[in-house]
């Protein structure tokens, strides 16, 4: 029996449209790890509740609960899942390509996505159009950097022809980019990667539309 045939119960507190939540759902689907989803409605400020601050002291989603313990930050959760079930891995075996995967991932996770979030927008301006322009600027800057680096390694996906972590952080950002009227035709490699991802069952199992709450 595999050492990873048994998994602890995993509860993921997430928001359907959150890019950080999507990337964790995607890794769970890719690895075939069972989990239970508990929605946190950001529009109803459920992330600001004392209960959610106990799960994540920053009040962000996602948060993972397992064996009475909580883990915040999507990349920490993904690292835990990678250790829990190493295969299939979200990383290539080649050391250089693994490092490049981290570089592409950090371009989105550290240098793009946080700057487009609501808190930076609100601190920047109270004007809706100024907020949108702020988010669009940082998204386009980040996608340009990703596109430039991916030119060296991309096949069907960001790293050759194997789906991996770089794709799983890129696509949720592209999804958000459309909300800010970013022209994805400016990023043909990223757009091609998205088309490749759409055919993957793990993409289909984790995409936001599957978790969108029903309208009253």
Protein backbone atom coordinates (compact mmCIF):
# COMPACT_ATOMS: atom_id res chain seq x y z
CA UNK A 1 0.00 0.00 0.00
CA UNK A 2 1.26 3.46 -0.86
CA UNK A 3 2.48 5.61 2.00
CA UNK A 4 0.05 8.23 0.74
CA UNK A 5 -3.01 5.99 0.30
CA UNK A 6 -4.55 7.61 3.37
CA UNK A 7 -4.98 11.35 3.65
CA UNK A 8 -6.04 13.38 6.66
CA UNK A 9 -9.38 15.14 6.36
CA UNK A 10 -8.85 18.44 4.55
CA UNK A 11 -11.24 21.37 4.76
CA UNK A 12 -10.57 24.28 2.44
CA UNK A 13 -12.10 27.64 3.32
CA UNK A 14 -12.20 29.45 -0.01
CA UNK A 15 -13.96 31.99 -2.21
CA UNK A 16 -15.08 30.89 -5.65
CA UNK A 17 -13.47 33.76 -7.59
CA UNK A 18 -10.29 34.13 -5.52
CA UNK A 19 -7.21 33.38 -7.61
CA UNK A 20 -5.37 32.13 -4.52
CA UNK A 21 -8.25 29.76 -3.77
CA UNK A 22 -8.38 28.53 -7.35
CA UNK A 23 -4.70 27.61 -7.47
CA UNK A 24 -5.10 25.48 -4.31
CA UNK A 25 -8.26 23.80 -5.64
CA UNK A 26 -6.36 23.08 -8.86
CA UNK A 27 -3.46 21.40 -7.06
CA UNK A 28 -5.92 19.31 -5.03
CA UNK A 29 -7.64 18.20 -8.24
CA UNK A 30 -4.35 17.58 -10.03
CA UNK A 31 -3.12 15.35 -7.23
CA UNK A 32 -6.48 13.67 -6.68
CA UNK A 33 -6.54 14.51 -2.97
CA UNK A 34 -10.03 14.47 -1.44
CA UNK A 35 -11.17 17.64 0.29
CA UNK A 36 -14.23 19.42 1.60
CA UNK A 37 -14.89 22.99 0.51
CA UNK A 38 -16.35 25.59 2.85
CA UNK A 39 -17.19 28.86 1.07
CA UNK A 40 -16.20 32.19 2.60
CA UNK A 41 -18.17 35.01 1.00
CA UNK A 42 -15.86 37.99 0.66
CA UNK A 43 -18.69 40.24 -0.52
CA UNK A 44 -20.50 39.61 2.77
CA UNK A 45 -17.30 40.25 4.76
CA UNK A 46 -17.28 36.69 6.10
CA UNK A 47 -13.49 36.80 5.94
CA UNK A 48 -13.59 39.57 8.57
CA UNK A 49 -15.31 37.40 11.18
CA UNK A 50 -13.53 36.31 14.37
CA UNK A 51 -13.95 32.71 13.22
CA UNK A 52 -12.05 33.34 10.00
CA UNK A 53 -9.33 35.40 11.65
CA UNK A 54 -8.72 32.31 13.80
CA UNK A 55 -8.10 30.39 10.57
CA UNK A 56 -5.94 33.07 8.98
CA UNK A 57 -4.83 36.11 11.02
CA UNK A 58 -4.77 38.26 7.87
CA UNK A 59 -8.36 37.35 7.07
CA UNK A 60 -7.46 36.10 3.59
CA UNK A 61 -8.60 33.04 1.70
CA UNK A 62 -7.82 30.27 1.28
CA UNK A 63 -7.24 28.61 4.63
CA UNK A 64 -6.75 24.90 5.09
CA UNK A 65 -7.90 23.00 8.16
CA UNK A 66 -6.52 19.56 8.92
CA UNK A 67 -6.40 17.61 12.17
CA UNK A 68 -7.48 20.65 14.17
CA UNK A 69 -4.78 22.89 12.72
CA UNK A 70 -5.04 25.77 10.26
CA UNK A 71 -2.72 26.79 7.46
CA UNK A 72 -3.03 30.05 5.53
CA UNK A 73 -1.24 31.35 2.42
CA UNK A 74 -1.83 29.45 -0.80
CA UNK A 75 1.82 28.64 -1.45
CA UNK A 76 2.28 27.18 2.03
CA UNK A 77 -0.83 25.07 1.47
CA UNK A 78 0.47 23.91 -1.91
CA UNK A 79 3.83 23.00 -0.37
CA UNK A 80 1.98 20.92 2.24
CA UNK A 81 -0.02 19.16 -0.47
CA UNK A 82 3.16 18.50 -2.45
CA UNK A 83 4.67 16.83 0.63
CA UNK A 84 1.46 14.96 1.37
CA UNK A 85 1.36 13.48 -2.13
CA UNK A 86 4.61 14.03 -4.07
CA UNK A 87 3.31 12.41 -7.26
CA UNK A 88 2.14 13.74 -9.56
CA UNK A 89 4.37 16.69 -8.79
CA UNK A 90 3.59 20.28 -9.72
CA UNK A 91 7.33 20.75 -10.39
CA UNK A 92 9.59 19.45 -13.16
CA UNK A 93 12.45 17.17 -12.09
CA UNK A 94 15.19 19.24 -13.73
CA UNK A 95 16.69 21.62 -11.09
CA UNK A 96 16.92 24.58 -13.46
CA UNK A 97 13.35 24.16 -14.67
CA UNK A 98 12.16 23.77 -11.10
CA UNK A 99 13.82 27.08 -10.26
CA UNK A 100 12.28 28.67 -13.36
CA UNK A 101 8.88 27.36 -12.21
CA UNK A 102 9.41 29.18 -8.93
CA UNK A 103 10.45 32.34 -10.75
CA UNK A 104 7.33 32.33 -12.93
CA UNK A 105 5.20 31.55 -9.91
CA UNK A 106 6.66 34.39 -7.87
CA UNK A 107 6.11 36.88 -10.70
CA UNK A 108 2.38 36.30 -10.25
CA UNK A 109 2.08 35.38 -6.56
CA UNK A 110 4.38 38.06 -5.13
CA UNK A 111 4.70 40.80 -7.74
CA UNK A 112 1.30 40.92 -9.47
CA UNK A 113 -1.65 39.46 -7.63
CA UNK A 114 -1.18 41.23 -4.25
CA UNK A 115 -0.98 44.66 -5.91
CA UNK A 116 -4.31 44.23 -7.69
CA UNK A 117 -6.18 43.21 -4.54
CA UNK A 118 -8.85 45.42 -3.02
CA UNK A 119 -6.79 46.76 -0.11
CA UNK A 120 -4.02 48.28 -2.30
CA UNK A 121 -6.64 49.63 -4.68
CA UNK A 122 -8.52 51.34 -1.85
CA UNK A 123 -5.34 52.82 -0.40
CA UNK A 124 -4.41 54.11 -3.84
CA UNK A 125 -7.69 55.89 -4.53
CA UNK A 126 -11.39 56.03 -3.75
CA UNK A 127 -12.22 56.63 -7.41
CA UNK A 128 -13.44 53.43 -9.15
CA UNK A 129 -11.73 54.26 -12.44
CA UNK A 130 -8.45 55.04 -10.72
CA UNK A 131 -8.67 51.74 -8.84
CA UNK A 132 -9.25 49.88 -12.08
CA UNK A 133 -6.33 51.62 -13.79
CA UNK A 134 -4.08 50.76 -10.85
CA UNK A 135 -5.00 47.06 -11.00
CA UNK A 136 -4.70 46.95 -14.79
CA UNK A 137 -1.23 48.49 -14.70
CA UNK A 138 0.16 45.90 -12.28
CA UNK A 139 -1.53 43.00 -14.05
CA UNK A 140 -0.14 44.01 -17.45
CA UNK A 141 3.32 44.56 -15.96
CA UNK A 142 3.29 41.11 -14.37
CA UNK A 143 1.96 39.34 -17.44
CA UNK A 144 4.61 41.00 -19.59
CA UNK A 145 7.32 39.64 -17.29
CA UNK A 146 5.74 36.18 -17.27
CA UNK A 147 5.41 36.20 -21.06
CA UNK A 148 9.03 37.24 -21.49
CA UNK A 149 10.36 34.46 -19.27
CA UNK A 150 7.94 31.82 -20.60
CA UNK A 151 9.25 32.41 -24.12
CA UNK A 152 12.32 30.43 -23.11
CA UNK A 153 10.53 27.35 -21.79
CA UNK A 154 6.93 27.22 -22.99
CA UNK A 155 5.45 24.39 -25.00
CA UNK A 156 1.81 23.56 -24.42
CA UNK A 157 2.35 24.85 -20.91
CA UNK A 158 4.69 27.31 -19.23
CA UNK A 159 7.36 24.64 -18.76
CA UNK A 160 7.35 22.42 -21.82
CA UNK A 161 4.39 20.13 -22.36
CA UNK A 162 3.67 19.22 -18.74
CA UNK A 163 1.10 21.00 -16.60
CA UNK A 164 2.65 22.46 -13.47
CA UNK A 165 2.53 25.08 -10.76
CA UNK A 166 3.45 27.99 -13.02
CA UNK A 167 0.31 27.33 -15.08
CA UNK A 168 -1.83 26.93 -11.97
CA UNK A 169 -0.94 30.41 -10.75
CA UNK A 170 -0.99 32.04 -14.19
CA UNK A 171 -4.47 31.05 -15.32
CA UNK A 172 -6.37 32.45 -12.31
CA UNK A 173 -4.50 35.71 -12.92
CA UNK A 174 -5.60 35.72 -16.57
CA UNK A 175 -9.16 35.13 -15.40
CA UNK A 176 -8.89 38.18 -13.15
CA UNK A 177 -7.22 40.18 -15.91
CA UNK A 178 -10.40 40.00 -17.99
CA UNK A 179 -12.31 41.67 -15.15
CA UNK A 180 -10.01 44.68 -15.57
CA UNK A 181 -10.28 44.79 -19.37
CA UNK A 182 -6.72 43.63 -19.96
CA UNK A 183 -6.25 42.73 -23.63
CA UNK A 184 -4.95 39.17 -23.50
CA UNK A 185 -4.07 39.31 -27.20
CA UNK A 186 -0.99 41.20 -26.00
CA UNK A 187 0.14 38.00 -24.29
CA UNK A 188 -0.07 35.21 -26.89
CA UNK A 189 2.01 32.67 -24.96
CA UNK A 190 -0.08 33.11 -21.81
CA UNK A 191 -3.25 32.85 -23.89
CA UNK A 192 -2.00 29.67 -25.56
CA UNK A 193 -1.22 28.15 -22.17
CA UNK A 194 -4.76 28.94 -21.03
CA UNK A 195 -6.20 27.10 -24.02
CA UNK A 196 -4.05 24.07 -23.22
CA UNK A 197 -5.15 24.15 -19.58
CA UNK A 198 -8.84 24.20 -20.46
CA UNK A 199 -8.54 20.64 -21.79
CA UNK A 200 -7.18 19.35 -18.46
CA UNK A 201 -9.62 17.62 -16.13
CA UNK A 202 -7.99 19.22 -13.07
CA UNK A 203 -8.67 22.65 -14.58
CA UNK A 204 -12.29 21.77 -15.20
CA UNK A 205 -12.73 20.41 -11.67
CA UNK A 206 -11.29 23.52 -10.03
CA UNK A 207 -12.42 26.47 -12.17
CA UNK A 208 -14.53 29.18 -10.51
CA UNK A 209 -17.77 28.51 -12.34
CA UNK A 210 -18.08 25.16 -10.52
CA UNK A 211 -18.05 26.95 -7.17
CA UNK A 212 -20.04 30.09 -7.98
CA UNK A 213 -22.92 30.44 -5.51
CA UNK A 214 -26.42 30.37 -6.89
CA UNK A 215 -28.05 33.77 -7.17
CA UNK A 216 -31.03 34.42 -4.95
